[in-house]
């Protein structure tokens, strides 16, 4: 989102709305002819950009991130060797063609996470972009206290809701 804000010279919030509304992870799938009028996202913005240009920005940053992931997998001797493949989640998981880009870059099968079976652990108002951080907190709590302790498993959703409410008013 920062890259989009800088390239389009718009506020971060505008860039986020543009990304969510029109973002694609593969520039080859976007058209130069299809344009986005930024005035629909921010009052006073008269700029028009092509969907292709937006996709080029997104693909460049996403590819860079995937290069880092691949480097870490290589260090572990696991590059291209994860039987379950890559699981994509969070706000970026909604980008069109992201699975294709991840599959191409990491040479792994790829799927978007299905978080339905975790819905009891997440307050309803937790946006997808926070699932990763939220899941890490759950995992750490489980490793410290153990989810099998009496009352902990039942109390976890309520505890996490209270914790969420502390940080997100």
N, C-alpha and C. Protein backbone atom coordinates (compact mmCIF):
# COMPACT_ATOMS: atom_id res chain seq x y z
N UNK A 1 0.82 -1.19 0.00
CA UNK A 1 0.00 0.00 0.00
C UNK A 1 0.87 1.26 0.00
N UNK A 2 1.97 1.22 0.74
CA UNK A 2 2.89 2.37 0.73
C UNK A 2 3.42 2.64 -0.67
N UNK A 3 3.78 1.57 -1.39
CA UNK A 3 4.28 1.74 -2.75
C UNK A 3 3.24 2.38 -3.65
N UNK A 4 2.00 1.96 -3.50
CA UNK A 4 0.91 2.53 -4.31
C UNK A 4 0.73 4.01 -3.95
N UNK A 5 0.72 4.32 -2.66
CA UNK A 5 0.57 5.71 -2.22
C UNK A 5 1.68 6.58 -2.79
N UNK A 6 2.91 6.09 -2.74
CA UNK A 6 4.04 6.87 -3.27
C UNK A 6 3.97 7.02 -4.78
N UNK A 7 3.70 5.93 -5.48
CA UNK A 7 3.67 5.98 -6.94
C UNK A 7 2.54 6.85 -7.47
N UNK A 8 1.39 6.78 -6.83
CA UNK A 8 0.23 7.56 -7.29
C UNK A 8 0.15 8.92 -6.64
N UNK A 9 1.02 9.17 -5.67
CA UNK A 9 1.05 10.42 -4.92
C UNK A 9 -0.31 10.73 -4.29
N UNK A 10 -0.79 9.71 -3.55
CA UNK A 10 -2.06 9.84 -2.85
C UNK A 10 -1.86 9.44 -1.39
N UNK A 11 -2.84 9.75 -0.56
CA UNK A 11 -2.81 9.39 0.85
C UNK A 11 -2.87 7.87 0.99
N UNK A 12 -2.31 7.35 2.07
CA UNK A 12 -2.27 5.92 2.33
C UNK A 12 -3.67 5.30 2.29
N UNK A 13 -4.66 5.97 2.92
CA UNK A 13 -6.03 5.43 2.94
C UNK A 13 -6.61 5.30 1.54
N UNK A 14 -6.31 6.28 0.69
CA UNK A 14 -6.77 6.23 -0.70
C UNK A 14 -6.10 5.06 -1.42
N UNK A 15 -4.80 4.91 -1.21
CA UNK A 15 -4.07 3.81 -1.85
C UNK A 15 -4.63 2.46 -1.42
N UNK A 16 -4.98 2.33 -0.15
CA UNK A 16 -5.55 1.08 0.36
C UNK A 16 -6.88 0.78 -0.32
N UNK A 17 -7.72 1.79 -0.46
CA UNK A 17 -9.02 1.59 -1.11
C UNK A 17 -8.85 1.25 -2.59
N UNK A 18 -7.90 1.87 -3.25
CA UNK A 18 -7.62 1.56 -4.66
C UNK A 18 -7.14 0.12 -4.78
N UNK A 19 -6.23 -0.28 -3.90
CA UNK A 19 -5.71 -1.65 -3.92
C UNK A 19 -6.82 -2.67 -3.70
N UNK A 20 -7.66 -2.43 -2.71
CA UNK A 20 -8.76 -3.36 -2.42
C UNK A 20 -9.76 -3.39 -3.58
N UNK A 21 -10.04 -2.24 -4.14
CA UNK A 21 -11.04 -2.15 -5.21
C UNK A 21 -10.58 -2.67 -6.55
N UNK A 22 -9.30 -2.47 -6.88
CA UNK A 22 -8.84 -2.78 -8.23
C UNK A 22 -7.53 -3.56 -8.29
N UNK A 23 -6.96 -3.90 -7.14
CA UNK A 23 -5.65 -4.53 -7.13
C UNK A 23 -5.62 -5.91 -7.75
N UNK A 24 -4.54 -6.16 -8.50
CA UNK A 24 -4.27 -7.46 -9.09
C UNK A 24 -2.80 -7.77 -8.86
N UNK A 25 -2.49 -9.03 -8.67
CA UNK A 25 -1.10 -9.41 -8.39
C UNK A 25 -0.30 -9.71 -9.65
N UNK A 26 -0.95 -9.88 -10.78
CA UNK A 26 -0.24 -10.16 -12.03
C UNK A 26 -0.52 -9.05 -13.04
N UNK A 27 0.51 -8.31 -13.40
CA UNK A 27 0.36 -7.22 -14.36
C UNK A 27 -0.05 -7.74 -15.73
N UNK A 28 0.38 -8.95 -16.08
CA UNK A 28 0.05 -9.51 -17.39
C UNK A 28 -1.46 -9.75 -17.56
N UNK A 29 -2.19 -9.80 -16.47
CA UNK A 29 -3.64 -10.02 -16.52
C UNK A 29 -4.43 -8.71 -16.53
N UNK A 30 -3.74 -7.59 -16.40
CA UNK A 30 -4.41 -6.29 -16.35
C UNK A 30 -4.29 -5.58 -17.70
N UNK A 31 -5.22 -4.70 -17.96
CA UNK A 31 -5.26 -3.98 -19.23
C UNK A 31 -4.82 -2.53 -19.04
N UNK A 32 -4.02 -2.05 -20.01
CA UNK A 32 -3.63 -0.63 -20.00
C UNK A 32 -4.85 0.25 -20.30
N UNK A 33 -5.78 -0.32 -21.04
CA UNK A 33 -6.96 0.46 -21.46
C UNK A 33 -7.93 0.70 -20.31
N UNK A 34 -8.00 -0.23 -19.37
CA UNK A 34 -8.89 -0.06 -18.22
C UNK A 34 -8.28 0.94 -17.25
N UNK A 35 -9.05 1.98 -16.95
CA UNK A 35 -8.52 3.05 -16.11
C UNK A 35 -9.29 3.18 -14.80
N UNK A 36 -8.60 3.72 -13.82
CA UNK A 36 -9.18 3.97 -12.50
C UNK A 36 -9.16 5.47 -12.26
N UNK A 37 -10.32 6.03 -12.01
CA UNK A 37 -10.40 7.44 -11.67
C UNK A 37 -10.28 7.56 -10.16
N UNK A 38 -9.22 8.18 -9.70
CA UNK A 38 -8.97 8.27 -8.26
C UNK A 38 -9.96 9.18 -7.55
N UNK A 39 -10.71 9.97 -8.32
CA UNK A 39 -11.71 10.85 -7.71
C UNK A 39 -12.80 10.05 -6.99
N UNK A 40 -13.00 8.79 -7.38
CA UNK A 40 -14.01 7.97 -6.70
C UNK A 40 -13.54 7.51 -5.32
N UNK A 41 -12.25 7.70 -5.03
CA UNK A 41 -11.70 7.29 -3.74
C UNK A 41 -11.33 8.46 -2.85
N UNK A 42 -11.08 9.61 -3.45
CA UNK A 42 -10.67 10.77 -2.67
C UNK A 42 -11.15 12.04 -3.35
N UNK A 43 -11.83 12.84 -2.58
CA UNK A 43 -12.32 14.11 -3.10
C UNK A 43 -11.15 14.98 -3.53
N UNK A 44 -11.27 15.58 -4.69
CA UNK A 44 -10.23 16.47 -5.19
C UNK A 44 -9.15 15.78 -6.00
N UNK A 45 -9.14 14.47 -6.03
CA UNK A 45 -8.16 13.73 -6.83
C UNK A 45 -8.65 13.67 -8.27
N UNK A 46 -7.87 14.17 -9.19
CA UNK A 46 -8.26 14.16 -10.59
C UNK A 46 -7.44 13.18 -11.42
N UNK A 47 -6.54 12.46 -10.78
CA UNK A 47 -5.65 11.55 -11.47
C UNK A 47 -6.39 10.32 -11.98
N UNK A 48 -5.98 9.86 -13.14
CA UNK A 48 -6.49 8.62 -13.72
C UNK A 48 -5.28 7.72 -13.95
N UNK A 49 -5.36 6.47 -13.50
CA UNK A 49 -4.26 5.52 -13.69
C UNK A 49 -4.80 4.25 -14.32
N UNK A 50 -3.94 3.57 -15.04
CA UNK A 50 -4.37 2.31 -15.66
C UNK A 50 -4.31 1.19 -14.63
N UNK A 51 -5.18 0.22 -14.81
CA UNK A 51 -5.16 -0.96 -13.94
C UNK A 51 -3.85 -1.71 -14.11
N UNK A 52 -3.28 -1.62 -15.30
CA UNK A 52 -2.00 -2.29 -15.56
C UNK A 52 -0.91 -1.68 -14.69
N UNK A 53 -0.86 -0.35 -14.61
CA UNK A 53 0.16 0.33 -13.81
C UNK A 53 0.02 -0.05 -12.33
N UNK A 54 -1.22 -0.06 -11.85
CA UNK A 54 -1.46 -0.47 -10.46
C UNK A 54 -0.98 -1.90 -10.24
N UNK A 55 -1.29 -2.79 -11.17
CA UNK A 55 -0.87 -4.19 -11.05
C UNK A 55 0.65 -4.33 -11.10
N UNK A 56 1.32 -3.49 -11.88
CA UNK A 56 2.79 -3.53 -11.94
C UNK A 56 3.40 -3.17 -10.58
N UNK A 57 2.81 -2.18 -9.92
CA UNK A 57 3.29 -1.78 -8.59
C UNK A 57 3.10 -2.93 -7.61
N UNK A 58 1.91 -3.51 -7.62
CA UNK A 58 1.59 -4.61 -6.69
C UNK A 58 2.45 -5.83 -6.98
N UNK A 59 2.59 -6.19 -8.24
CA UNK A 59 3.38 -7.38 -8.59
C UNK A 59 4.84 -7.21 -8.19
N UNK A 60 5.40 -6.02 -8.40
CA UNK A 60 6.80 -5.79 -8.05
C UNK A 60 7.04 -6.01 -6.55
N UNK A 61 6.20 -5.43 -5.71
CA UNK A 61 6.38 -5.57 -4.26
C UNK A 61 6.08 -7.00 -3.81
N UNK A 62 5.04 -7.59 -4.34
CA UNK A 62 4.69 -8.96 -3.95
C UNK A 62 5.79 -9.93 -4.35
N UNK A 63 6.35 -9.75 -5.53
CA UNK A 63 7.46 -10.61 -5.98
C UNK A 63 8.67 -10.45 -5.07
N UNK A 64 8.92 -9.23 -4.65
CA UNK A 64 10.04 -8.98 -3.73
C UNK A 64 9.82 -9.72 -2.40
N UNK A 65 8.63 -9.65 -1.88
CA UNK A 65 8.31 -10.35 -0.63
C UNK A 65 8.46 -11.86 -0.83
N UNK A 66 7.97 -12.36 -1.94
CA UNK A 66 8.07 -13.80 -2.21
C UNK A 66 9.52 -14.24 -2.39
N UNK A 67 10.37 -13.36 -2.90
CA UNK A 67 11.80 -13.67 -2.99
C UNK A 67 12.39 -13.88 -1.60
N UNK A 68 11.99 -13.03 -0.65
CA UNK A 68 12.45 -13.20 0.73
C UNK A 68 11.97 -14.54 1.31
N UNK A 69 10.72 -14.86 1.05
CA UNK A 69 10.16 -16.14 1.52
C UNK A 69 10.94 -17.30 0.92
N UNK A 70 11.19 -17.22 -0.38
CA UNK A 70 11.93 -18.30 -1.06
C UNK A 70 13.35 -18.42 -0.52
N UNK A 71 13.99 -17.30 -0.23
CA UNK A 71 15.34 -17.34 0.35
C UNK A 71 15.33 -18.08 1.69
N UNK A 72 14.32 -17.82 2.51
CA UNK A 72 14.21 -18.50 3.80
C UNK A 72 13.96 -19.99 3.62
N UNK A 73 13.12 -20.33 2.65
CA UNK A 73 12.86 -21.74 2.37
C UNK A 73 14.14 -22.44 1.89
N UNK A 74 14.94 -21.74 1.09
CA UNK A 74 16.21 -22.31 0.62
C UNK A 74 17.15 -22.59 1.79
N UNK A 75 17.20 -21.66 2.74
CA UNK A 75 18.06 -21.84 3.92
C UNK A 75 17.67 -23.10 4.69
N UNK A 76 16.39 -23.42 4.66
CA UNK A 76 15.88 -24.60 5.36
C UNK A 76 15.91 -25.86 4.49
N UNK A 77 16.33 -25.69 3.24
CA UNK A 77 16.34 -26.82 2.32
C UNK A 77 14.93 -27.23 1.89
N UNK A 78 14.00 -26.29 1.93
CA UNK A 78 12.60 -26.62 1.64
C UNK A 78 12.04 -25.87 0.43
N UNK A 79 12.88 -25.17 -0.32
CA UNK A 79 12.38 -24.43 -1.48
C UNK A 79 11.72 -25.39 -2.45
N UNK A 80 10.46 -25.12 -2.78
CA UNK A 80 9.71 -25.95 -3.69
C UNK A 80 9.38 -27.33 -3.15
N UNK A 81 9.57 -27.55 -1.85
CA UNK A 81 9.41 -28.89 -1.27
C UNK A 81 8.44 -28.94 -0.10
N UNK A 82 7.44 -28.13 -0.10
CA UNK A 82 6.44 -28.18 0.97
C UNK A 82 5.23 -28.95 0.45
N UNK A 83 5.02 -30.16 0.93
CA UNK A 83 3.92 -30.99 0.41
C UNK A 83 2.55 -30.32 0.50
N UNK A 84 2.32 -29.55 1.55
CA UNK A 84 1.03 -28.88 1.69
C UNK A 84 0.98 -27.58 0.90
N UNK A 85 2.11 -27.15 0.36
CA UNK A 85 2.15 -25.93 -0.43
C UNK A 85 2.14 -24.69 0.43
N UNK A 86 1.79 -23.58 -0.20
CA UNK A 86 1.74 -22.29 0.48
C UNK A 86 0.28 -21.94 0.75
N UNK A 87 0.03 -21.39 1.93
CA UNK A 87 -1.31 -20.96 2.30
C UNK A 87 -1.28 -19.45 2.44
N UNK A 88 -2.15 -18.79 1.71
CA UNK A 88 -2.20 -17.33 1.69
C UNK A 88 -3.36 -16.87 2.58
N UNK A 89 -3.09 -15.90 3.45
CA UNK A 89 -4.17 -15.34 4.27
C UNK A 89 -3.85 -13.90 4.56
N UNK A 90 -4.82 -13.19 5.08
CA UNK A 90 -4.66 -11.78 5.39
C UNK A 90 -5.31 -10.92 4.33
N UNK A 91 -5.14 -9.62 4.48
CA UNK A 91 -5.76 -8.68 3.57
C UNK A 91 -5.32 -8.85 2.12
N UNK A 92 -4.04 -9.12 1.91
CA UNK A 92 -3.52 -9.30 0.55
C UNK A 92 -4.03 -10.54 -0.14
N UNK A 93 -4.54 -11.49 0.60
CA UNK A 93 -5.04 -12.74 0.01
C UNK A 93 -6.21 -12.50 -0.92
N UNK A 94 -6.83 -11.34 -0.80
CA UNK A 94 -7.99 -11.03 -1.64
C UNK A 94 -7.60 -10.52 -3.02
N UNK A 95 -6.32 -10.25 -3.26
CA UNK A 95 -5.89 -9.74 -4.55
C UNK A 95 -6.13 -10.77 -5.65
N UNK A 96 -6.67 -10.31 -6.77
CA UNK A 96 -6.86 -11.18 -7.92
C UNK A 96 -5.52 -11.72 -8.39
N UNK A 97 -5.50 -12.97 -8.77
CA UNK A 97 -4.33 -13.65 -9.36
C UNK A 97 -3.16 -13.83 -8.40
N UNK A 98 -3.37 -13.60 -7.11
CA UNK A 98 -2.27 -13.78 -6.16
C UNK A 98 -1.82 -15.24 -6.11
N UNK A 99 -2.76 -16.17 -6.11
CA UNK A 99 -2.38 -17.59 -6.09
C UNK A 99 -1.46 -17.94 -7.24
N UNK A 100 -1.76 -17.41 -8.43
CA UNK A 100 -0.93 -17.70 -9.61
C UNK A 100 0.48 -17.15 -9.43
N UNK A 101 0.60 -15.94 -8.90
CA UNK A 101 1.92 -15.35 -8.71
C UNK A 101 2.71 -16.13 -7.67
N UNK A 102 2.08 -16.50 -6.57
CA UNK A 102 2.77 -17.25 -5.52
C UNK A 102 3.23 -18.60 -6.07
N UNK A 103 2.37 -19.26 -6.81
CA UNK A 103 2.71 -20.56 -7.39
C UNK A 103 3.90 -20.43 -8.33
N UNK A 104 3.90 -19.37 -9.14
CA UNK A 104 5.00 -19.14 -10.08
C UNK A 104 6.31 -18.84 -9.35
N UNK A 105 6.25 -17.98 -8.35
CA UNK A 105 7.47 -17.54 -7.66
C UNK A 105 8.04 -18.60 -6.71
N UNK A 106 7.17 -19.28 -5.98
CA UNK A 106 7.64 -20.25 -4.98
C UNK A 106 7.69 -21.68 -5.50
N UNK A 107 7.09 -21.89 -6.68
CA UNK A 107 7.03 -23.24 -7.26
C UNK A 107 6.40 -24.23 -6.28
N UNK A 108 5.30 -23.80 -5.71
CA UNK A 108 4.54 -24.60 -4.75
C UNK A 108 3.06 -24.51 -5.09
N UNK A 109 2.32 -25.56 -4.75
CA UNK A 109 0.87 -25.44 -4.86
C UNK A 109 0.45 -24.35 -3.86
N UNK A 110 -0.62 -23.67 -4.18
CA UNK A 110 -1.02 -22.52 -3.38
C UNK A 110 -2.53 -22.51 -3.19
N UNK A 111 -2.94 -22.09 -2.01
CA UNK A 111 -4.37 -21.93 -1.77
C UNK A 111 -4.59 -20.80 -0.78
N UNK A 112 -5.77 -20.26 -0.84
CA UNK A 112 -6.17 -19.22 0.10
C UNK A 112 -6.68 -19.92 1.36
N UNK A 113 -6.31 -19.41 2.51
CA UNK A 113 -6.73 -20.02 3.78
C UNK A 113 -8.23 -19.95 3.94
N UNK A 114 -8.79 -21.02 4.46
CA UNK A 114 -10.20 -21.04 4.83
C UNK A 114 -10.25 -20.92 6.35
N UNK A 115 -10.62 -19.76 6.82
CA UNK A 115 -10.58 -19.50 8.25
C UNK A 115 -11.92 -19.74 8.94
N UNK A 116 -12.85 -20.38 8.22
CA UNK A 116 -14.17 -20.61 8.81
C UNK A 116 -14.11 -21.40 10.10
N UNK A 117 -13.25 -22.42 10.16
CA UNK A 117 -13.21 -23.24 11.37
C UNK A 117 -12.51 -22.55 12.54
N UNK A 118 -11.98 -21.34 12.30
CA UNK A 118 -11.37 -20.56 13.39
C UNK A 118 -12.28 -19.43 13.85
N UNK A 119 -13.47 -19.33 13.27
CA UNK A 119 -14.32 -18.17 13.56
C UNK A 119 -14.67 -18.03 15.03
N UNK A 120 -14.65 -19.12 15.79
CA UNK A 120 -14.93 -19.02 17.22
C UNK A 120 -13.79 -18.34 17.97
N UNK A 121 -12.61 -18.30 17.37
CA UNK A 121 -11.45 -17.71 18.03
C UNK A 121 -11.23 -16.25 17.64
N UNK A 122 -11.89 -15.80 16.59
CA UNK A 122 -11.73 -14.43 16.13
C UNK A 122 -13.01 -13.65 16.38
N UNK A 123 -12.91 -12.49 17.00
CA UNK A 123 -14.10 -11.64 17.07
C UNK A 123 -14.56 -11.33 15.65
N UNK A 124 -15.85 -11.15 15.46
CA UNK A 124 -16.41 -10.94 14.13
C UNK A 124 -15.82 -9.73 13.42
N UNK A 125 -15.38 -8.73 14.18
CA UNK A 125 -14.91 -7.50 13.56
C UNK A 125 -13.42 -7.49 13.26
N UNK A 126 -12.74 -8.64 13.36
CA UNK A 126 -11.32 -8.69 13.03
C UNK A 126 -11.17 -8.73 11.52
N UNK A 127 -10.58 -7.69 10.92
CA UNK A 127 -10.37 -7.70 9.47
C UNK A 127 -9.32 -8.74 9.08
N UNK A 128 -9.40 -9.27 7.85
CA UNK A 128 -8.46 -10.31 7.42
C UNK A 128 -7.00 -9.92 7.54
N UNK A 129 -6.66 -8.65 7.38
CA UNK A 129 -5.26 -8.25 7.44
C UNK A 129 -4.66 -8.43 8.83
N UNK A 130 -5.50 -8.63 9.85
CA UNK A 130 -4.99 -8.85 11.21
C UNK A 130 -4.95 -10.32 11.60
N UNK A 131 -5.42 -11.22 10.74
CA UNK A 131 -5.46 -12.63 11.09
C UNK A 131 -4.09 -13.18 11.44
N UNK A 132 -3.07 -12.78 10.72
CA UNK A 132 -1.72 -13.29 10.98
C UNK A 132 -1.24 -12.94 12.38
N UNK A 133 -1.29 -11.67 12.71
CA UNK A 133 -0.85 -11.24 14.04
C UNK A 133 -1.73 -11.85 15.12
N UNK A 134 -3.01 -11.87 14.88
CA UNK A 134 -3.96 -12.42 15.84
C UNK A 134 -3.68 -13.90 16.07
N UNK A 135 -3.40 -14.63 14.98
CA UNK A 135 -3.11 -16.06 15.09
C UNK A 135 -1.83 -16.31 15.87
N UNK A 136 -0.83 -15.45 15.69
CA UNK A 136 0.41 -15.61 16.44
C UNK A 136 0.18 -15.43 17.94
N UNK A 137 -0.69 -14.50 18.30
CA UNK A 137 -1.02 -14.32 19.72
C UNK A 137 -1.71 -15.57 20.24
N UNK A 138 -2.66 -16.11 19.48
CA UNK A 138 -3.33 -17.35 19.90
C UNK A 138 -2.34 -18.49 20.07
N UNK A 139 -1.45 -18.62 19.11
CA UNK A 139 -0.46 -19.70 19.14
C UNK A 139 0.43 -19.56 20.37
N UNK A 140 0.88 -18.34 20.66
CA UNK A 140 1.74 -18.12 21.81
C UNK A 140 1.00 -18.40 23.12
N UNK A 141 -0.24 -17.96 23.20
CA UNK A 141 -1.03 -18.25 24.40
C UNK A 141 -1.21 -19.75 24.58
N UNK A 142 -1.45 -20.45 23.49
CA UNK A 142 -1.60 -21.90 23.55
C UNK A 142 -0.31 -22.56 24.01
N UNK A 143 0.82 -22.06 23.52
CA UNK A 143 2.09 -22.68 23.91
C UNK A 143 2.44 -22.39 25.38
N UNK A 144 1.98 -21.26 25.90
CA UNK A 144 2.26 -20.91 27.29
C UNK A 144 1.31 -21.64 28.24
N UNK A 145 0.01 -21.55 27.94
CA UNK A 145 -0.99 -22.06 28.87
C UNK A 145 -1.53 -23.44 28.49
N UNK A 146 -1.43 -23.78 27.22
CA UNK A 146 -1.99 -25.06 26.75
C UNK A 146 -3.50 -24.98 26.63
N UNK A 147 -4.01 -25.22 25.45
CA UNK A 147 -5.45 -25.08 25.22
C UNK A 147 -6.25 -26.19 25.89
N UNK A 148 -5.59 -27.23 26.38
CA UNK A 148 -6.32 -28.33 27.00
C UNK A 148 -6.56 -28.11 28.49
N UNK A 149 -5.99 -27.05 29.04
CA UNK A 149 -6.27 -26.78 30.45
C UNK A 149 -7.74 -26.46 30.60
N UNK A 150 -8.30 -26.89 31.69
CA UNK A 150 -9.73 -26.70 31.91
C UNK A 150 -10.09 -25.23 31.84
N UNK A 151 -11.07 -24.94 31.03
CA UNK A 151 -11.57 -23.58 30.92
C UNK A 151 -10.81 -22.72 29.93
N UNK A 152 -9.57 -23.08 29.60
CA UNK A 152 -8.81 -22.21 28.71
C UNK A 152 -9.39 -22.22 27.30
N UNK A 153 -9.67 -23.41 26.78
CA UNK A 153 -10.22 -23.50 25.43
C UNK A 153 -11.54 -22.77 25.30
N UNK A 154 -12.39 -22.90 26.34
CA UNK A 154 -13.69 -22.21 26.28
C UNK A 154 -13.52 -20.71 26.47
N UNK A 155 -12.53 -20.32 27.26
CA UNK A 155 -12.36 -18.91 27.58
C UNK A 155 -11.53 -18.15 26.57
N UNK A 156 -10.88 -18.85 25.68
CA UNK A 156 -10.00 -18.19 24.72
C UNK A 156 -10.72 -17.18 23.83
N UNK A 157 -11.86 -17.54 23.22
CA UNK A 157 -12.52 -16.53 22.39
C UNK A 157 -12.86 -15.26 23.15
N UNK A 158 -13.37 -15.40 24.37
CA UNK A 158 -13.70 -14.23 25.18
C UNK A 158 -12.47 -13.42 25.54
N UNK A 159 -11.40 -14.13 25.91
CA UNK A 159 -10.15 -13.45 26.25
C UNK A 159 -9.61 -12.69 25.04
N UNK A 160 -9.64 -13.34 23.87
CA UNK A 160 -9.11 -12.68 22.67
C UNK A 160 -9.97 -11.49 22.27
N UNK A 161 -11.27 -11.59 22.47
CA UNK A 161 -12.15 -10.46 22.19
C UNK A 161 -11.79 -9.28 23.08
N UNK A 162 -11.54 -9.55 24.36
CA UNK A 162 -11.15 -8.48 25.28
C UNK A 162 -9.81 -7.88 24.87
N UNK A 163 -8.87 -8.75 24.49
CA UNK A 163 -7.56 -8.28 24.05
C UNK A 163 -7.70 -7.43 22.78
N UNK A 164 -8.52 -7.89 21.85
CA UNK A 164 -8.76 -7.16 20.61
C UNK A 164 -9.34 -5.78 20.92
N UNK A 165 -10.30 -5.72 21.83
CA UNK A 165 -10.95 -4.46 22.17
C UNK A 165 -9.99 -3.46 22.81
N UNK A 166 -8.94 -3.95 23.45
CA UNK A 166 -7.93 -3.05 24.02
C UNK A 166 -7.20 -2.29 22.92
N UNK A 167 -6.87 -3.01 21.84
CA UNK A 167 -6.05 -2.42 20.78
C UNK A 167 -6.85 -1.76 19.68
N UNK A 168 -8.07 -2.19 19.46
CA UNK A 168 -8.90 -1.63 18.40
C UNK A 168 -10.19 -1.12 19.02
N UNK A 169 -10.25 0.20 19.25
CA UNK A 169 -11.44 0.76 19.90
C UNK A 169 -12.69 0.66 19.03
